[in-house]
Amino acid sequence: MAEVETGPASIQEIAEVMYRILTEVVDIKNVANIGKQPPRHMLYITKQIDIPGEYRIDIDFPTERDAVKNKYVARIVIMLDGSGIDLIVGPCGLKPTRFPQTSWHTVKNLARQAVRDFQK
């Protein structure tokens, strides 16, 4: 059997994996709330890839009023130049925390915890 060489994942690939994992976390949280919370309490996740040099993942509050005020359960901005990952957690998070690109697991876990903590 021939060996397949795999190189290191690109930053874009890591961002896509992080988005897919967090999508599952949000879906699990929403399914768990069915019947317990009204639909307006469901979270939603979006990605924005049209800003040059950035890959954004937003886990948003369900109401437009909170979304208009730029309040997020979590906002992750992955710098595609490799300079780092910014993370804002919670509605009071005003300043992003910068993590090195290699700490993407830590950022993912902090965002997962923010989703878990949302309306326990």
PDB file of N, CA and C in Angstrom:
ATOM      1  N   MET A   1       0.848  -1.171   0.000  1.00  0.00           N
ATOM      2  CA  MET A   1       0.000   0.000   0.000  1.00  0.00           C
ATOM      3  C   MET A   1       0.896   1.238   0.000  1.00  0.00           C
ATOM      4  N   ALA A   2       0.572   2.165  -0.832  1.00  0.00           N
ATOM      5  CA  ALA A   2       1.359   3.392  -0.934  1.00  0.00           C
ATOM      6  C   ALA A   2       1.031   4.322   0.225  1.00  0.00           C
ATOM      7  N   GLU A   3       2.072   4.955   0.725  1.00  0.00           N
ATOM      8  CA  GLU A   3       1.865   5.917   1.807  1.00  0.00           C
ATOM      9  C   GLU A   3       1.423   7.254   1.222  1.00  0.00           C
ATOM     10  N   VAL A   4       0.514   7.871   1.906  1.00  0.00           N
ATOM     11  CA  VAL A   4       0.036   9.182   1.478  1.00  0.00           C
ATOM     12  C   VAL A   4       0.685  10.223   2.368  1.00  0.00           C
ATOM     13  N   GLU A   5       1.371  11.145   1.739  1.00  0.00           N
ATOM     14  CA  GLU A   5       1.997  12.207   2.516  1.00  0.00           C
ATOM     15  C   GLU A   5       1.000  13.334   2.708  1.00  0.00           C
ATOM     16  N   THR A   6       0.894  13.760   3.923  1.00  0.00           N
ATOM     17  CA  THR A   6       0.025  14.900   4.207  1.00  0.00           C
ATOM     18  C   THR A   6       0.871  15.998   4.819  1.00  0.00           C
ATOM     19  N   GLY A   7       0.720  17.154   4.285  1.00  0.00           N
ATOM     20  CA  GLY A   7       1.437  18.306   4.818  1.00  0.00           C
ATOM     21  C   GLY A   7       0.623  18.962   5.909  1.00  0.00           C
ATOM     22  N   PRO A   8       1.171  19.993   6.484  1.00  0.00           N
ATOM     23  CA  PRO A   8       0.419  20.707   7.520  1.00  0.00           C
ATOM     24  C   PRO A   8      -0.835  21.355   6.926  1.00  0.00           C
ATOM     25  N   ALA A   9      -1.865  21.405   7.726  1.00  0.00           N
ATOM     26  CA  ALA A   9      -3.127  22.003   7.279  1.00  0.00           C
ATOM     27  C   ALA A   9      -2.955  23.507   7.103  1.00  0.00           C
ATOM     28  N   SER A  10      -3.632  24.037   6.111  1.00  0.00           N
ATOM     29  CA  SER A  10      -3.593  25.486   5.913  1.00  0.00           C
ATOM     30  C   SER A  10      -4.470  26.158   6.966  1.00  0.00           C
ATOM     31  N   ILE A  11      -4.278  27.434   7.134  1.00  0.00           N
ATOM     32  CA  ILE A  11      -5.073  28.196   8.100  1.00  0.00           C
ATOM     33  C   ILE A  11      -6.544  28.158   7.699  1.00  0.00           C
ATOM     34  N   GLN A  12      -6.819  28.229   6.407  1.00  0.00           N
ATOM     35  CA  GLN A  12      -8.197  28.158   5.904  1.00  0.00           C
ATOM     36  C   GLN A  12      -8.828  26.809   6.271  1.00  0.00           C
ATOM     37  N   GLU A  13      -8.072  25.723   6.134  1.00  0.00           N
ATOM     38  CA  GLU A  13      -8.595  24.392   6.478  1.00  0.00           C
ATOM     39  C   GLU A  13      -8.881  24.282   7.973  1.00  0.00           C
ATOM     40  N   ILE A  14      -7.997  24.822   8.784  1.00  0.00           N
ATOM     41  CA  ILE A  14      -8.210  24.814  10.235  1.00  0.00           C
ATOM     42  C   ILE A  14      -9.466  25.613  10.580  1.00  0.00           C
ATOM     43  N   ALA A  15      -9.655  26.748   9.930  1.00  0.00           N
ATOM     44  CA  ALA A  15     -10.845  27.571  10.171  1.00  0.00           C
ATOM     45  C   ALA A  15     -12.112  26.809   9.801  1.00  0.00           C
ATOM     46  N   GLU A  16     -12.095  26.081   8.690  1.00  0.00           N
ATOM     47  CA  GLU A  16     -13.262  25.295   8.275  1.00  0.00           C
ATOM     48  C   GLU A  16     -13.570  24.186   9.278  1.00  0.00           C
ATOM     49  N   VAL A  17     -12.536  23.520   9.770  1.00  0.00           N
ATOM     50  CA  VAL A  17     -12.735  22.471  10.777  1.00  0.00           C
ATOM     51  C   VAL A  17     -13.329  23.075  12.047  1.00  0.00           C
ATOM     52  N   MET A  18     -12.796  24.210  12.479  1.00  0.00           N
ATOM     53  CA  MET A  18     -13.311  24.872  13.676  1.00  0.00           C
ATOM     54  C   MET A  18     -14.783  25.244  13.483  1.00  0.00           C
ATOM     55  N   TYR A  19     -15.130  25.751  12.305  1.00  0.00           N
ATOM     56  CA  TYR A  19     -16.515  26.123  12.016  1.00  0.00           C
ATOM     57  C   TYR A  19     -17.430  24.896  12.077  1.00  0.00           C
ATOM     58  N   ARG A  20     -17.008  23.789  11.475  1.00  0.00           N
ATOM     59  CA  ARG A  20     -17.845  22.573  11.483  1.00  0.00           C
ATOM     60  C   ARG A  20     -18.049  22.038  12.890  1.00  0.00           C
ATOM     61  N   ILE A  21     -16.999  22.047  13.697  1.00  0.00           N
ATOM     62  CA  ILE A  21     -17.116  21.569  15.082  1.00  0.00           C
ATOM     63  C   ILE A  21     -18.076  22.458  15.867  1.00  0.00           C
ATOM     64  N   LEU A  22     -17.914  23.762  15.747  1.00  0.00           N
ATOM     65  CA  LEU A  22     -18.776  24.685  16.491  1.00  0.00           C
ATOM     66  C   LEU A  22     -20.217  24.646  15.986  1.00  0.00           C
ATOM     67  N   THR A  23     -20.422  24.362  14.699  1.00  0.00           N
ATOM     68  CA  THR A  23     -21.778  24.195  14.175  1.00  0.00           C
ATOM     69  C   THR A  23     -22.471  23.030  14.868  1.00  0.00           C
ATOM     70  N   GLU A  24     -21.745  21.932  15.052  1.00  0.00           N
ATOM     71  CA  GLU A  24     -22.318  20.781  15.756  1.00  0.00           C
ATOM     72  C   GLU A  24     -22.633  21.119  17.206  1.00  0.00           C
ATOM     73  N   VAL A  25     -21.764  21.877  17.857  1.00  0.00           N
ATOM     74  CA  VAL A  25     -21.999  22.276  19.251  1.00  0.00           C
ATOM     75  C   VAL A  25     -23.268  23.120  19.352  1.00  0.00           C
ATOM     76  N   VAL A  26     -23.432  24.076  18.438  1.00  0.00           N
ATOM     77  CA  VAL A  26     -24.627  24.932  18.437  1.00  0.00           C
ATOM     78  C   VAL A  26     -25.873  24.092  18.155  1.00  0.00           C
ATOM     79  N   ASP A  27     -25.783  23.172  17.200  1.00  0.00           N
ATOM     80  CA  ASP A  27     -26.931  22.311  16.889  1.00  0.00           C
ATOM     81  C   ASP A  27     -27.336  21.468  18.093  1.00  0.00           C
ATOM     82  N   ILE A  28     -26.365  20.910  18.792  1.00  0.00           N
ATOM     83  CA  ILE A  28     -26.657  20.101  19.984  1.00  0.00           C
ATOM     84  C   ILE A  28     -27.344  20.953  21.039  1.00  0.00           C
ATOM     85  N   LYS A  29     -26.845  22.171  21.248  1.00  0.00           N
ATOM     86  CA  LYS A  29     -27.452  23.075  22.233  1.00  0.00           C
ATOM     87  C   LYS A  29     -28.886  23.412  21.843  1.00  0.00           C
ATOM     88  N   ASN A  30     -29.112  23.692  20.569  1.00  0.00           N
ATOM     89  CA  ASN A  30     -30.460  24.035  20.112  1.00  0.00           C
ATOM     90  C   ASN A  30     -31.420  22.853  20.243  1.00  0.00           C
ATOM     91  N   VAL A  31     -30.973  21.661  19.890  1.00  0.00           N
ATOM     92  CA  VAL A  31     -31.824  20.472  20.015  1.00  0.00           C
ATOM     93  C   VAL A  31     -32.163  20.223  21.477  1.00  0.00           C
ATOM     94  N   ALA A  32     -31.204  20.424  22.359  1.00  0.00           N
ATOM     95  CA  ALA A  32     -31.446  20.217  23.794  1.00  0.00           C
ATOM     96  C   ALA A  32     -32.478  21.201  24.336  1.00  0.00           C
ATOM     97  N   ASN A  33     -32.600  22.367  23.708  1.00  0.00           N
ATOM     98  CA  ASN A  33     -33.542  23.387  24.182  1.00  0.00           C
ATOM     99  C   ASN A  33     -34.936  23.271  23.572  1.00  0.00           C
ATOM    100  N   ILE A  34     -35.120  22.382  22.609  1.00  0.00           N
ATOM    101  CA  ILE A  34     -36.445  22.225  21.997  1.00  0.00           C
ATOM    102  C   ILE A  34     -37.431  21.785  23.072  1.00  0.00           C
ATOM    103  N   GLY A  35     -38.511  22.504  23.165  1.00  0.00           N
ATOM    104  CA  GLY A  35     -39.534  22.208  24.163  1.00  0.00           C
ATOM    105  C   GLY A  35     -39.290  22.867  25.508  1.00  0.00           C
ATOM    106  N   LYS A  36     -38.062  23.279  25.768  1.00  0.00           N
ATOM    107  CA  LYS A  36     -37.727  23.942  27.032  1.00  0.00           C
ATOM    108  C   LYS A  36     -37.714  25.457  26.881  1.00  0.00           C
ATOM    109  N   GLN A  37     -37.315  25.910  25.722  1.00  0.00           N
ATOM    110  CA  GLN A  37     -37.182  27.344  25.455  1.00  0.00           C
ATOM    111  C   GLN A  37     -37.969  27.688  24.197  1.00  0.00           C
ATOM    112  N   PRO A  38     -38.494  28.910  24.103  1.00  0.00           N
ATOM    113  CA  PRO A  38     -39.143  29.320  22.858  1.00  0.00           C
ATOM    114  C   PRO A  38     -38.107  29.439  21.737  1.00  0.00           C
ATOM    115  N   PRO A  39     -38.555  29.359  20.481  1.00  0.00           N
ATOM    116  CA  PRO A  39     -37.612  29.408  19.351  1.00  0.00           C
ATOM    117  C   PRO A  39     -36.697  30.628  19.345  1.00  0.00           C
ATOM    118  N   ARG A  40     -37.121  31.726  19.920  1.00  0.00           N
ATOM    119  CA  ARG A  40     -36.265  32.921  19.900  1.00  0.00           C
ATOM    120  C   ARG A  40     -35.013  32.744  20.759  1.00  0.00           C
ATOM    121  N   HIS A  41     -34.947  31.659  21.526  1.00  0.00           N
ATOM    122  CA  HIS A  41     -33.775  31.395  22.354  1.00  0.00           C
ATOM    123  C   HIS A  41     -32.775  30.459  21.680  1.00  0.00           C
ATOM    124  N   MET A  42     -33.017  30.128  20.429  1.00  0.00           N
ATOM    125  CA  MET A  42     -32.083  29.274  19.705  1.00  0.00           C
ATOM    126  C   MET A  42     -30.891  30.120  19.242  1.00  0.00           C
ATOM    127  N   LEU A  43     -29.725  29.525  19.268  1.00  0.00           N
ATOM    128  CA  LEU A  43     -28.516  30.203  18.788  1.00  0.00           C
ATOM    129  C   LEU A  43     -28.350  29.951  17.293  1.00  0.00           C
ATOM    130  N   TYR A  44     -27.594  30.790  16.640  1.00  0.00           N
ATOM    131  CA  TYR A  44     -27.231  30.489  15.268  1.00  0.00           C
ATOM    132  C   TYR A  44     -25.776  30.858  15.044  1.00  0.00           C
ATOM    133  N   ILE A  45     -25.179  30.181  14.084  1.00  0.00           N
ATOM    134  CA  ILE A  45     -23.758  30.358  13.801  1.00  0.00           C
ATOM    135  C   ILE A  45     -23.613  30.767  12.337  1.00  0.00           C
ATOM    136  N   THR A  46     -22.734  31.718  12.103  1.00  0.00           N
ATOM    137  CA  THR A  46     -22.471  32.170  10.737  1.00  0.00           C
ATOM    138  C   THR A  46     -20.970  32.283  10.533  1.00  0.00           C
ATOM    139  N   LYS A  47     -20.577  32.160   9.280  1.00  0.00           N
ATOM    140  CA  LYS A  47     -19.177  32.424   8.943  1.00  0.00           C
ATOM    141  C   LYS A  47     -19.159  33.509   7.889  1.00  0.00           C
ATOM    142  N   GLN A  48     -18.131  34.311   7.946  1.00  0.00           N
ATOM    143  CA  GLN A  48     -17.979  35.414   7.000  1.00  0.00           C
ATOM    144  C   GLN A  48     -16.577  35.317   6.426  1.00  0.00           C
ATOM    145  N   ILE A  49     -16.507  35.106   5.126  1.00  0.00           N
ATOM    146  CA  ILE A  49     -15.202  34.916   4.492  1.00  0.00           C
ATOM    147  C   ILE A  49     -14.919  35.965   3.418  1.00  0.00           C
ATOM    148  N   ASP A  50     -15.756  36.999   3.353  1.00  0.00           N
ATOM    149  CA  ASP A  50     -15.577  38.004   2.309  1.00  0.00           C
ATOM    150  C   ASP A  50     -14.702  39.185   2.731  1.00  0.00           C
ATOM    151  N   ILE A  51     -14.214  39.179   3.957  1.00  0.00           N
ATOM    152  CA  ILE A  51     -13.306  40.233   4.409  1.00  0.00           C
ATOM    153  C   ILE A  51     -11.881  39.766   4.114  1.00  0.00           C
ATOM    154  N   PRO A  52     -11.129  40.519   3.326  1.00  0.00           N
ATOM    155  CA  PRO A  52      -9.781  40.074   2.967  1.00  0.00           C
ATOM    156  C   PRO A  52      -8.912  39.813   4.204  1.00  0.00           C
ATOM    157  N   GLY A  53      -8.290  38.649   4.223  1.00  0.00           N
ATOM    158  CA  GLY A  53      -7.361  38.310   5.291  1.00  0.00           C
ATOM    159  C   GLY A  53      -7.999  37.811   6.568  1.00  0.00           C
ATOM    160  N   GLU A  54      -9.336  37.694   6.599  1.00  0.00           N
ATOM    161  CA  GLU A  54     -10.020  37.252   7.819  1.00  0.00           C
ATOM    162  C   GLU A  54     -11.026  36.152   7.509  1.00  0.00           C
ATOM    163  N   TYR A  55     -11.222  35.296   8.488  1.00  0.00           N
ATOM    164  CA  TYR A  55     -12.269  34.274   8.463  1.00  0.00           C
ATOM    165  C   TYR A  55     -12.989  34.428   9.791  1.00  0.00           C
ATOM    166  N   ARG A  56     -14.234  34.895   9.752  1.00  0.00           N
ATOM    167  CA  ARG A  56     -14.982  35.172  10.982  1.00  0.00           C
ATOM    168  C   ARG A  56     -16.018  34.094  11.233  1.00  0.00           C
ATOM    169  N   ILE A  57     -16.110  33.704  12.489  1.00  0.00           N
ATOM    170  CA  ILE A  57     -17.157  32.795  12.937  1.00  0.00           C
ATOM    171  C   ILE A  57     -17.884  33.510  14.065  1.00  0.00           C
ATOM    172  N   ASP A  58     -19.187  33.705  13.892  1.00  0.00           N
ATOM    173  CA  ASP A  58     -20.006  34.354  14.919  1.00  0.00           C
ATOM    174  C   ASP A  58     -21.048  33.372  15.425  1.00  0.00           C
ATOM    175  N   ILE A  59     -21.120  33.233  16.725  1.00  0.00           N
ATOM    176  CA  ILE A  59     -22.205  32.496  17.356  1.00  0.00           C
ATOM    177  C   ILE A  59     -23.053  33.578  17.995  1.00  0.00           C
ATOM    178  N   ASP A  60     -24.235  33.759  17.409  1.00  0.00           N
ATOM    179  CA  ASP A  60     -25.037  34.934  17.711  1.00  0.00           C
ATOM    180  C   ASP A  60     -26.190  34.640  18.651  1.00  0.00           C
ATOM    181  N   PHE A  61     -26.581  35.710  19.350  1.00  0.00           N
ATOM    182  CA  PHE A  61     -27.808  35.679  20.126  1.00  0.00           C
ATOM    183  C   PHE A  61     -28.971  35.610  19.153  1.00  0.00           C
ATOM    184  N   PRO A  62     -30.057  35.027  19.559  1.00  0.00           N
ATOM    185  CA  PRO A  62     -31.155  34.804  18.624  1.00  0.00           C
ATOM    186  C   PRO A  62     -31.992  36.029  18.288  1.00  0.00           C
ATOM    187  N   THR A  63     -31.949  37.067  19.092  1.00  0.00           N
ATOM    188  CA  THR A  63     -32.822  38.205  18.821  1.00  0.00           C
ATOM    189  C   THR A  63     -32.082  39.268  18.036  1.00  0.00           C
ATOM    190  N   GLU A  64     -32.788  39.895  17.143  1.00  0.00           N
ATOM    191  CA  GLU A  64     -32.175  40.944  16.334  1.00  0.00           C
ATOM    192  C   GLU A  64     -31.695  42.103  17.190  1.00  0.00           C
ATOM    193  N   ARG A  65     -32.411  42.395  18.255  1.00  0.00           N
ATOM    194  CA  ARG A  65     -32.031  43.522  19.107  1.00  0.00           C
ATOM    195  C   ARG A  65     -30.615  43.329  19.645  1.00  0.00           C
ATOM    196  N   ASP A  66     -30.314  42.128  20.125  1.00  0.00           N
ATOM    197  CA  ASP A  66     -28.970  41.869  20.632  1.00  0.00           C
ATOM    198  C   ASP A  66     -27.954  41.818  19.497  1.00  0.00           C
ATOM    199  N   ALA A  67     -28.342  41.258  18.357  1.00  0.00           N
ATOM    200  CA  ALA A  67     -27.417  41.166  17.232  1.00  0.00           C
ATOM    201  C   ALA A  67     -27.052  42.552  16.705  1.00  0.00           C
ATOM    202  N   VAL A  68     -28.020  43.461  16.690  1.00  0.00           N
ATOM    203  CA  VAL A  68     -27.760  44.821  16.220  1.00  0.00           C
ATOM    204  C   VAL A  68     -26.737  45.515  17.111  1.00  0.00           C
ATOM    205  N   LYS A  69     -26.757  45.195  18.386  1.00  0.00           N
ATOM    206  CA  LYS A  69     -25.820  45.814  19.323  1.00  0.00           C
ATOM    207  C   LYS A  69     -24.446  45.144  19.280  1.00  0.00           C
ATOM    208  N   ASN A  70     -24.233  44.251  18.310  1.00  0.00           N
ATOM    209  CA  ASN A  70     -22.967  43.531  18.169  1.00  0.00           C
ATOM    210  C   ASN A  70     -22.607  42.744  19.415  1.00  0.00           C
ATOM    211  N   LYS A  71     -23.589  42.101  19.986  1.00  0.00           N
ATOM    212  CA  LYS A  71     -23.338  41.223  21.122  1.00  0.00           C
ATOM    213  C   LYS A  71     -23.350  39.794  20.612  1.00  0.00           C
ATOM    214  N   TYR A  72     -22.371  39.048  21.007  1.00  0.00           N
ATOM    215  CA  TYR A  72     -22.234  37.684  20.528  1.00  0.00           C
ATOM    216  C   TYR A  72     -22.040  36.751  21.704  1.00  0.00           C
ATOM    217  N   VAL A  73     -22.437  35.499  21.521  1.00  0.00           N
ATOM    218  CA  VAL A  73     -22.048  34.468  22.471  1.00  0.00           C
ATOM    219  C   VAL A  73     -20.545  34.270  22.309  1.00  0.00           C
ATOM    220  N   ALA A  74     -20.102  34.223  21.053  1.00  0.00           N
ATOM    221  CA  ALA A  74     -18.667  34.156  20.758  1.00  0.00           C
ATOM    222  C   ALA A  74     -18.431  34.688  19.352  1.00  0.00           C
ATOM    223  N   ARG A  75     -17.331  35.387  19.179  1.00  0.00           N
ATOM    224  CA  ARG A  75     -16.882  35.828  17.857  1.00  0.00           C
ATOM    225  C   ARG A  75     -15.420  35.438  17.740  1.00  0.00           C
ATOM    226  N   ILE A  76     -15.128  34.718  16.682  1.00  0.00           N
ATOM    227  CA  ILE A  76     -13.763  34.272  16.418  1.00  0.00           C
ATOM    228  C   ILE A  76     -13.339  34.876  15.085  1.00  0.00           C
ATOM    229  N   VAL A  77     -12.202  35.538  15.091  1.00  0.00           N
ATOM    230  CA  VAL A  77     -11.658  36.100  13.858  1.00  0.00           C
ATOM    231  C   VAL A  77     -10.287  35.466  13.651  1.00  0.00           C
ATOM    232  N   ILE A  78     -10.195  34.647  12.611  1.00  0.00           N
ATOM    233  CA  ILE A  78      -8.949  33.954  12.298  1.00  0.00           C
ATOM    234  C   ILE A  78      -8.232  34.769  11.226  1.00  0.00           C
ATOM    235  N   MET A  79      -7.027  35.211  11.544  1.00  0.00           N
ATOM    236  CA  MET A  79      -6.233  35.994  10.599  1.00  0.00           C
ATOM    237  C   MET A  79      -5.562  35.023   9.627  1.00  0.00           C
ATOM    238  N   LEU A  80      -5.883  35.138   8.359  1.00  0.00           N
ATOM    239  CA  LEU A  80      -5.385  34.191   7.368  1.00  0.00           C
ATOM    240  C   LEU A  80      -3.906  34.374   7.051  1.00  0.00           C
ATOM    241  N   ASP A  81      -3.308  35.455   7.543  1.00  0.00           N
ATOM    242  CA  ASP A  81      -1.873  35.649   7.347  1.00  0.00           C
ATOM    243  C   ASP A  81      -1.049  34.937   8.416  1.00  0.00           C
ATOM    244  N   GLY A  82      -1.734  34.274   9.357  1.00  0.00           N
ATOM    245  CA  GLY A  82      -1.040  33.525  10.396  1.00  0.00           C
ATOM    246  C   GLY A  82      -0.676  34.340  11.614  1.00  0.00           C
ATOM    247  N   SER A  83      -1.151  35.579  11.701  1.00  0.00           N
ATOM    248  CA  SER A  83      -0.767  36.444  12.821  1.00  0.00           C
ATOM    249  C   SER A  83      -1.503  36.128  14.117  1.00  0.00           C
ATOM    250  N   GLY A  84      -2.555  35.318  14.050  1.00  0.00           N
ATOM    251  CA  GLY A  84      -3.232  34.936  15.281  1.00  0.00           C
ATOM    252  C   GLY A  84      -4.728  34.785  15.109  1.00  0.00           C
ATOM    253  N   ILE A  85      -5.384  34.537  16.235  1.00  0.00           N
ATOM    254  CA  ILE A  85      -6.832  34.373  16.284  1.00  0.00           C
ATOM    255  C   ILE A  85      -7.358  35.285  17.381  1.00  0.00           C
ATOM    256  N   ASP A  86      -8.341  36.107  17.040  1.00  0.00           N
ATOM    257  CA  ASP A  86      -8.994  36.968  18.030  1.00  0.00           C
ATOM    258  C   ASP A  86     -10.259  36.277  18.509  1.00  0.00           C
ATOM    259  N   LEU A  87     -10.506  36.362  19.811  1.00  0.00           N
ATOM    260  CA  LEU A  87     -11.695  35.752  20.396  1.00  0.00           C
ATOM    261  C   LEU A  87     -12.380  36.756  21.304  1.00  0.00           C
ATOM    262  N   ILE A  88     -13.682  36.947  21.082  1.00  0.00           N
ATOM    263  CA  ILE A  88     -14.525  37.734  21.981  1.00  0.00           C
ATOM    264  C   ILE A  88     -15.592  36.776  22.488  1.00  0.00           C
ATOM    265  N   VAL A  89     -15.706  36.656  23.805  1.00  0.00           N
ATOM    266  CA  VAL A  89     -16.687  35.749  24.401  1.00  0.00           C
ATOM    267  C   VAL A  89     -17.648  36.543  25.259  1.00  0.00           C
ATOM    268  N   GLY A  90     -18.929  36.276  25.079  1.00  0.00           N
ATOM    269  CA  GLY A  90     -19.954  36.875  25.924  1.00  0.00           C
ATOM    270  C   GLY A  90     -20.386  38.245  25.462  1.00  0.00           C
ATOM    271  N   PRO A  91     -21.568  38.659  25.909  1.00  0.00           N
ATOM    272  CA  PRO A  91     -22.114  39.940  25.472  1.00  0.00           C
ATOM    273  C   PRO A  91     -21.344  41.142  26.002  1.00  0.00           C
ATOM    274  N   CYS A  92     -20.542  40.942  27.015  1.00  0.00           N
ATOM    275  CA  CYS A  92     -19.783  42.058  27.584  1.00  0.00           C
ATOM    276  C   CYS A  92     -18.368  42.123  27.031  1.00  0.00           C
ATOM    277  N   GLY A  93     -18.018  41.178  26.171  1.00  0.00           N
ATOM    278  CA  GLY A  93     -16.672  41.160  25.620  1.00  0.00           C
ATOM    279  C   GLY A  93     -16.470  42.309  24.658  1.00  0.00           C
ATOM    280  N   LEU A  94     -15.698  43.275  25.053  1.00  0.00           N
ATOM    281  CA  LEU A  94     -15.478  44.446  24.215  1.00  0.00           C
ATOM    282  C   LEU A  94     -14.182  44.350  23.428  1.00  0.00           C
ATOM    283  N   LYS A  95     -13.148  43.853  24.083  1.00  0.00           N
ATOM    284  CA  LYS A  95     -11.845  43.763  23.449  1.00  0.00           C
ATOM    285  C   LYS A  95     -11.530  42.305  23.162  1.00  0.00           C
ATOM    286  N   PRO A  96     -11.092  42.025  21.955  1.00  0.00           N
ATOM    287  CA  PRO A  96     -10.748  40.637  21.665  1.00  0.00           C
ATOM    288  C   PRO A  96      -9.457  40.219  22.361  1.00  0.00           C
ATOM    289  N   THR A  97      -9.394  38.956  22.689  1.00  0.00           N
ATOM    290  CA  THR A  97      -8.169  38.363  23.208  1.00  0.00           C
ATOM    291  C   THR A  97      -7.453  37.731  22.027  1.00  0.00           C
ATOM    292  N   ARG A  98      -6.163  38.035  21.871  1.00  0.00           N
ATOM    293  CA  ARG A  98      -5.395  37.498  20.742  1.00  0.00           C
ATOM    294  C   ARG A  98      -4.671  36.229  21.178  1.00  0.00           C
ATOM    295  N   PHE A  99      -4.856  35.179  20.403  1.00  0.00           N
ATOM    296  CA  PHE A  99      -4.181  33.911  20.628  1.00  0.00           C
ATOM    297  C   PHE A  99      -3.282  33.630  19.439  1.00  0.00           C
ATOM    298  N   PRO A 100      -2.167  32.919  19.662  1.00  0.00           N
ATOM    299  CA  PRO A 100      -1.352  32.529  18.513  1.00  0.00           C
ATOM    300  C   PRO A 100      -2.113  31.511  17.660  1.00  0.00           C
ATOM    301  N   GLN A 101      -1.768  31.435  16.389  1.00  0.00           N
ATOM    302  CA  GLN A 101      -2.454  30.537  15.455  1.00  0.00           C
ATOM    303  C   GLN A 101      -2.412  29.086  15.940  1.00  0.00           C
ATOM    304  N   THR A 102      -1.355  28.706  16.624  1.00  0.00           N
ATOM    305  CA  THR A 102      -1.212  27.324  17.085  1.00  0.00           C
ATOM    306  C   THR A 102      -2.146  26.985  18.237  1.00  0.00           C
ATOM    307  N   SER A 103      -2.790  27.967  18.814  1.00  0.00           N
ATOM    308  CA  SER A 103      -3.705  27.734  19.944  1.00  0.00           C
ATOM    309  C   SER A 103      -5.159  27.612  19.496  1.00  0.00           C
ATOM    310  N   TRP A 104      -5.388  27.163  18.274  1.00  0.00           N
ATOM    311  CA  TRP A 104      -6.759  27.115  17.769  1.00  0.00           C
ATOM    312  C   TRP A 104      -7.621  26.144  18.563  1.00  0.00           C
ATOM    313  N   HIS A 105      -7.018  25.094  19.129  1.00  0.00           N
ATOM    314  CA  HIS A 105      -7.793  24.169  19.978  1.00  0.00           C
ATOM    315  C   HIS A 105      -8.318  24.896  21.216  1.00  0.00           C
ATOM    316  N   THR A 106      -7.496  25.733  21.807  1.00  0.00           N
ATOM    317  CA  THR A 106      -7.905  26.497  22.989  1.00  0.00           C
ATOM    318  C   THR A 106      -9.061  27.430  22.646  1.00  0.00           C
ATOM    319  N   VAL A 107      -8.957  28.128  21.527  1.00  0.00           N
ATOM    320  CA  VAL A 107     -10.015  29.046  21.097  1.00  0.00           C
ATOM    321  C   VAL A 107     -11.310  28.276  20.863  1.00  0.00           C
ATOM    322  N   LYS A 108     -11.209  27.142  20.182  1.00  0.00           N
ATOM    323  CA  LYS A 108     -12.389  26.312  19.917  1.00  0.00           C
ATOM    324  C   LYS A 108     -13.039  25.877  21.220  1.00  0.00           C
ATOM    325  N   ASN A 109     -12.240  25.450  22.177  1.00  0.00           N
ATOM    326  CA  ASN A 109     -12.787  24.994  23.459  1.00  0.00           C
ATOM    327  C   ASN A 109     -13.423  26.134  24.254  1.00  0.00           C
ATOM    328  N   LEU A 110     -12.847  27.319  24.203  1.00  0.00           N
ATOM    329  CA  LEU A 110     -13.449  28.474  24.887  1.00  0.00           C
ATOM    330  C   LEU A 110     -14.790  28.847  24.254  1.00  0.00           C
ATOM    331  N   ALA A 111     -14.868  28.775  22.929  1.00  0.00           N
ATOM    332  CA  ALA A 111     -16.138  29.058  22.248  1.00  0.00           C
ATOM    333  C   ALA A 111     -17.172  27.987  22.581  1.00  0.00           C
ATOM    334  N   ARG A 112     -16.746  26.730  22.638  1.00  0.00           N
ATOM    335  CA  ARG A 112     -17.671  25.646  23.020  1.00  0.00           C
ATOM    336  C   ARG A 112     -18.219  25.881  24.417  1.00  0.00           C
ATOM    337  N   GLN A 113     -17.355  26.306  25.328  1.00  0.00           N
ATOM    338  CA  GLN A 113     -17.793  26.566  26.703  1.00  0.00           C
ATOM    339  C   GLN A 113     -18.786  27.724  26.746  1.00  0.00           C
ATOM    340  N   ALA A 114     -18.563  28.751  25.931  1.00  0.00           N
ATOM    341  CA  ALA A 114     -19.497  29.883  25.886  1.00  0.00           C
ATOM    342  C   ALA A 114     -20.878  29.427  25.421  1.00  0.00           C
ATOM    343  N   VAL A 115     -20.919  28.518  24.448  1.00  0.00           N
ATOM    344  CA  VAL A 115     -22.202  27.985  23.975  1.00  0.00           C
ATOM    345  C   VAL A 115     -22.864  27.166  25.076  1.00  0.00           C
ATOM    346  N   ARG A 116     -22.085  26.345  25.743  1.00  0.00           N
ATOM    347  CA  ARG A 116     -22.644  25.527  26.837  1.00  0.00           C
ATOM    348  C   ARG A 116     -23.198  26.399  27.954  1.00  0.00           C
ATOM    349  N   ASP A 117     -22.515  27.495  28.242  1.00  0.00           N
ATOM    350  CA  ASP A 117     -22.931  28.368  29.340  1.00  0.00           C
ATOM    351  C   ASP A 117     -24.126  29.244  28.989  1.00  0.00           C
ATOM    352  N   PHE A 118     -24.428  29.406  27.699  1.00  0.00           N
ATOM    353  CA  PHE A 118     -25.534  30.258  27.281  1.00  0.00           C
ATOM    354  C   PHE A 118     -26.846  29.664  27.768  1.00  0.00           C
ATOM    355  N   GLN A 119     -27.522  30.365  28.656  1.00  0.00           N
ATOM    356  CA  GLN A 119     -28.823  29.978  29.206  1.00  0.00           C
ATOM    357  C   GLN A 119     -28.843  28.542  29.701  1.00  0.00           C
ATOM    358  N   LYS A 120     -27.969  28.246  30.635  1.00  0.00           N
ATOM    359  CA  LYS A 120     -27.955  26.910  31.239  1.00  0.00           C
ATOM    360  C   LYS A 120     -29.257  26.624  31.909  1.00  0.00           C
TER     361      LYS A 120
END
